Amino acid sequence: MRSDANYGTNDFVINSWKQGHSTKSSTGSLSTDGTVLFSYRLPIGYNIDNVLTALDYTSPDNFYSVTTSIHVGKAKSVADVVATPDSRTIDALSTLASNAGD
C-alpha cells in the first residue's frame, strides 16, 4: 500500500501526469500513461517533451460532461498550453505523443 496520503486522488493523477508517470484515480475516471491524460477514455491532455497541453472541454462549444470539466480544470491549472479540442489539434497531439521518446 502506498504511503502517499494523496494517492488515488485527482490531484495525485495530475501531478503524476506532470512528472510523466502513469497512474489512475481511485475511481478510475482520471488516468494517465505519463504522456496522455484521460477523463474516462477521452484524451484531455498531453505531456510531450515536458510541455503540458490541456484540451479545453469546458468551453460552451466543447462541453463534454461535468466530471470531465472538473478534470480539465485541474489539467488547465498546471498546463503550459490550453488548446481547443478540434480534430487537427487532437490528431497532431496524438501523433506527437505516439512518437515521443523515439
C-alpha atoms as a PDB file:
ATOM      1  CA  MET A   1       0.000   0.000   0.000  1.00  0.00           C
ATOM      2  CA  ARG A   2       1.235   3.485  -0.842  1.00  0.00           C
ATOM      3  CA  SER A   3       2.120   5.815   1.984  1.00  0.00           C
ATOM      4  CA  ASP A   4       1.298   8.974  -0.011  1.00  0.00           C
ATOM      5  CA  ALA A   5      -1.888  10.391   1.517  1.00  0.00           C
ATOM      6  CA  ASN A   6      -2.936  11.811  -1.853  1.00  0.00           C
ATOM      7  CA  TYR A   7      -2.521   8.531  -3.765  1.00  0.00           C
ATOM      8  CA  GLY A   8      -5.561   7.898  -5.937  1.00  0.00           C
ATOM      9  CA  THR A   9      -6.838  11.471  -5.845  1.00  0.00           C
ATOM     10  CA  ASN A  10      -7.341  13.575  -8.955  1.00  0.00           C
ATOM     11  CA  ASP A  11      -4.566  15.888  -7.768  1.00  0.00           C
ATOM     12  CA  PHE A  12      -2.198  12.914  -7.483  1.00  0.00           C
ATOM     13  CA  VAL A  13      -3.044  11.883 -11.066  1.00  0.00           C
ATOM     14  CA  ILE A  14      -2.474  15.421 -12.380  1.00  0.00           C
ATOM     15  CA  ASN A  15       0.882  15.612 -10.576  1.00  0.00           C
ATOM     16  CA  SER A  16       1.870  12.192 -11.951  1.00  0.00           C
ATOM     17  CA  TRP A  17       0.960  13.305 -15.492  1.00  0.00           C
ATOM     18  CA  LYS A  18       3.036  16.442 -14.984  1.00  0.00           C
ATOM     19  CA  GLN A  19       6.001  14.275 -13.961  1.00  0.00           C
ATOM     20  CA  GLY A  20       5.474  11.770 -16.794  1.00  0.00           C
ATOM     21  CA  HIS A  21       4.359   8.861 -14.580  1.00  0.00           C
ATOM     22  CA  SER A  22       1.396   6.553 -15.151  1.00  0.00           C
ATOM     23  CA  THR A  23      -1.394   6.183 -12.575  1.00  0.00           C
ATOM     24  CA  LYS A  24      -5.155   6.430 -12.162  1.00  0.00           C
ATOM     25  CA  SER A  25      -7.581   7.833  -9.656  1.00  0.00           C
ATOM     26  CA  SER A  26      -9.220   5.573  -7.104  1.00  0.00           C
ATOM     27  CA  THR A  27     -12.429   5.660  -9.169  1.00  0.00           C
ATOM     28  CA  GLY A  28     -10.585   5.165 -12.466  1.00  0.00           C
ATOM     29  CA  SER A  29     -12.261   8.205 -14.009  1.00  0.00           C
ATOM     30  CA  LEU A  30      -8.987  10.152 -14.337  1.00  0.00           C
ATOM     31  CA  SER A  31      -5.867   8.377 -15.544  1.00  0.00           C
ATOM     32  CA  THR A  32      -2.589   8.882 -17.341  1.00  0.00           C
ATOM     33  CA  ASP A  33       0.007   6.737 -19.047  1.00  0.00           C
ATOM     34  CA  GLY A  34       2.500   9.528 -18.329  1.00  0.00           C
ATOM     35  CA  THR A  35       2.014  11.100 -21.753  1.00  0.00           C
ATOM     36  CA  VAL A  36      -1.746  11.265 -22.299  1.00  0.00           C
ATOM     37  CA  LEU A  37      -4.191  12.354 -19.596  1.00  0.00           C
ATOM     38  CA  PHE A  38      -7.638  10.756 -19.834  1.00  0.00           C
ATOM     39  CA  SER A  39     -11.015  11.670 -18.404  1.00  0.00           C
ATOM     40  CA  TYR A  40     -12.675   8.277 -18.621  1.00  0.00           C
ATOM     41  CA  ARG A  41     -11.443   7.312 -22.129  1.00  0.00           C
ATOM     42  CA  LEU A  42     -11.342  10.833 -23.539  1.00  0.00           C
ATOM     43  CA  PRO A  43      -7.825  12.275 -24.027  1.00  0.00           C
ATOM     44  CA  ILE A  44      -7.857  15.671 -22.287  1.00  0.00           C
ATOM     45  CA  GLY A  45      -4.152  16.417 -22.048  1.00  0.00           C
ATOM     46  CA  TYR A  46      -0.735  15.602 -23.446  1.00  0.00           C
ATOM     47  CA  ASN A  47       2.735  15.734 -21.911  1.00  0.00           C
ATOM     48  CA  ILE A  48       5.135  15.928 -24.843  1.00  0.00           C
ATOM     49  CA  ASP A  49       8.753  16.788 -24.099  1.00  0.00           C
ATOM     50  CA  ASN A  50       7.630  18.141 -20.705  1.00  0.00           C
ATOM     51  CA  VAL A  51       5.229  20.606 -22.326  1.00  0.00           C
ATOM     52  CA  LEU A  52       1.776  20.085 -20.853  1.00  0.00           C
ATOM     53  CA  THR A  53      -1.156  20.748 -23.178  1.00  0.00           C
ATOM     54  CA  ALA A  54      -4.717  20.629 -21.844  1.00  0.00           C
ATOM     55  CA  LEU A  55      -7.654  20.309 -24.223  1.00  0.00           C
ATOM     56  CA  ASP A  56     -10.398  22.697 -23.159  1.00  0.00           C
ATOM     57  CA  TYR A  57     -13.558  20.626 -22.941  1.00  0.00           C
ATOM     58  CA  THR A  58     -15.039  23.235 -20.580  1.00  0.00           C
ATOM     59  CA  SER A  59     -15.961  25.906 -23.087  1.00  0.00           C
ATOM     60  CA  PRO A  60     -19.598  26.137 -24.247  1.00  0.00           C
ATOM     61  CA  ASP A  61     -18.813  24.782 -27.724  1.00  0.00           C
ATOM     62  CA  ASN A  62     -16.741  21.850 -26.440  1.00  0.00           C
ATOM     63  CA  PHE A  63     -18.561  20.820 -23.261  1.00  0.00           C
ATOM     64  CA  TYR A  64     -18.327  17.066 -22.642  1.00  0.00           C
ATOM     65  CA  SER A  65     -19.538  16.381 -19.084  1.00  0.00           C
ATOM     66  CA  VAL A  66     -19.432  17.885 -15.613  1.00  0.00           C
ATOM     67  CA  THR A  67     -16.821  15.381 -14.429  1.00  0.00           C
ATOM     68  CA  THR A  68     -14.653  15.937 -17.499  1.00  0.00           C
ATOM     69  CA  SER A  69     -14.909  19.700 -16.932  1.00  0.00           C
ATOM     70  CA  ILE A  70     -13.587  19.186 -13.403  1.00  0.00           C
ATOM     71  CA  HIS A  71     -10.723  17.054 -14.736  1.00  0.00           C
ATOM     72  CA  VAL A  72      -9.929  19.608 -17.449  1.00  0.00           C
ATOM     73  CA  GLY A  73      -9.942  22.425 -14.892  1.00  0.00           C
ATOM     74  CA  LYS A  74      -7.276  20.605 -12.892  1.00  0.00           C
ATOM     75  CA  ALA A  75      -5.239  19.922 -16.049  1.00  0.00           C
ATOM     76  CA  LYS A  76      -5.509  23.570 -17.121  1.00  0.00           C
ATOM     77  CA  SER A  77      -4.183  24.682 -13.729  1.00  0.00           C
ATOM     78  CA  VAL A  78      -0.802  23.047 -14.460  1.00  0.00           C
ATOM     79  CA  ALA A  79      -0.755  23.211 -18.278  1.00  0.00           C
ATOM     80  CA  ASP A  80       1.721  25.231 -20.297  1.00  0.00           C
ATOM     81  CA  VAL A  81      -0.762  25.399 -23.197  1.00  0.00           C
ATOM     82  CA  VAL A  82      -4.563  25.249 -23.315  1.00  0.00           C
ATOM     83  CA  ALA A  83      -5.891  24.243 -26.726  1.00  0.00           C
ATOM     84  CA  THR A  84      -9.304  23.960 -28.344  1.00  0.00           C
ATOM     85  CA  PRO A  85     -10.071  20.282 -28.896  1.00  0.00           C
ATOM     86  CA  ASP A  86     -10.580  20.329 -32.663  1.00  0.00           C
ATOM     87  CA  SER A  87      -9.717  17.347 -34.869  1.00  0.00           C
ATOM     88  CA  ARG A  88      -6.482  18.875 -36.244  1.00  0.00           C
ATOM     89  CA  THR A  89      -5.143  19.629 -32.770  1.00  0.00           C
ATOM     90  CA  ILE A  90      -6.072  16.203 -31.429  1.00  0.00           C
ATOM     91  CA  ASP A  91      -4.542  14.442 -34.453  1.00  0.00           C
ATOM     92  CA  ALA A  92      -1.320  16.436 -34.159  1.00  0.00           C
ATOM     93  CA  LEU A  93      -1.006  15.834 -30.409  1.00  0.00           C
ATOM     94  CA  SER A  94      -1.804  12.127 -30.811  1.00  0.00           C
ATOM     95  CA  THR A  95       0.913  11.808 -33.452  1.00  0.00           C
ATOM     96  CA  LEU A  96       3.464  13.644 -31.315  1.00  0.00           C
ATOM     97  CA  ALA A  97       2.552  11.513 -28.286  1.00  0.00           C
ATOM     98  CA  SER A  98       2.949   8.273 -30.218  1.00  0.00           C
ATOM     99  CA  ASN A  99       6.376   9.426 -31.465  1.00  0.00           C
ATOM    100  CA  ALA A 100       7.544  10.685 -28.050  1.00  0.00           C
ATOM    101  CA  GLY A 101      10.729   9.024 -26.959  1.00  0.00           C
ATOM    102  CA  ASP A 102      11.710   7.834 -30.459  1.00  0.00           C
END
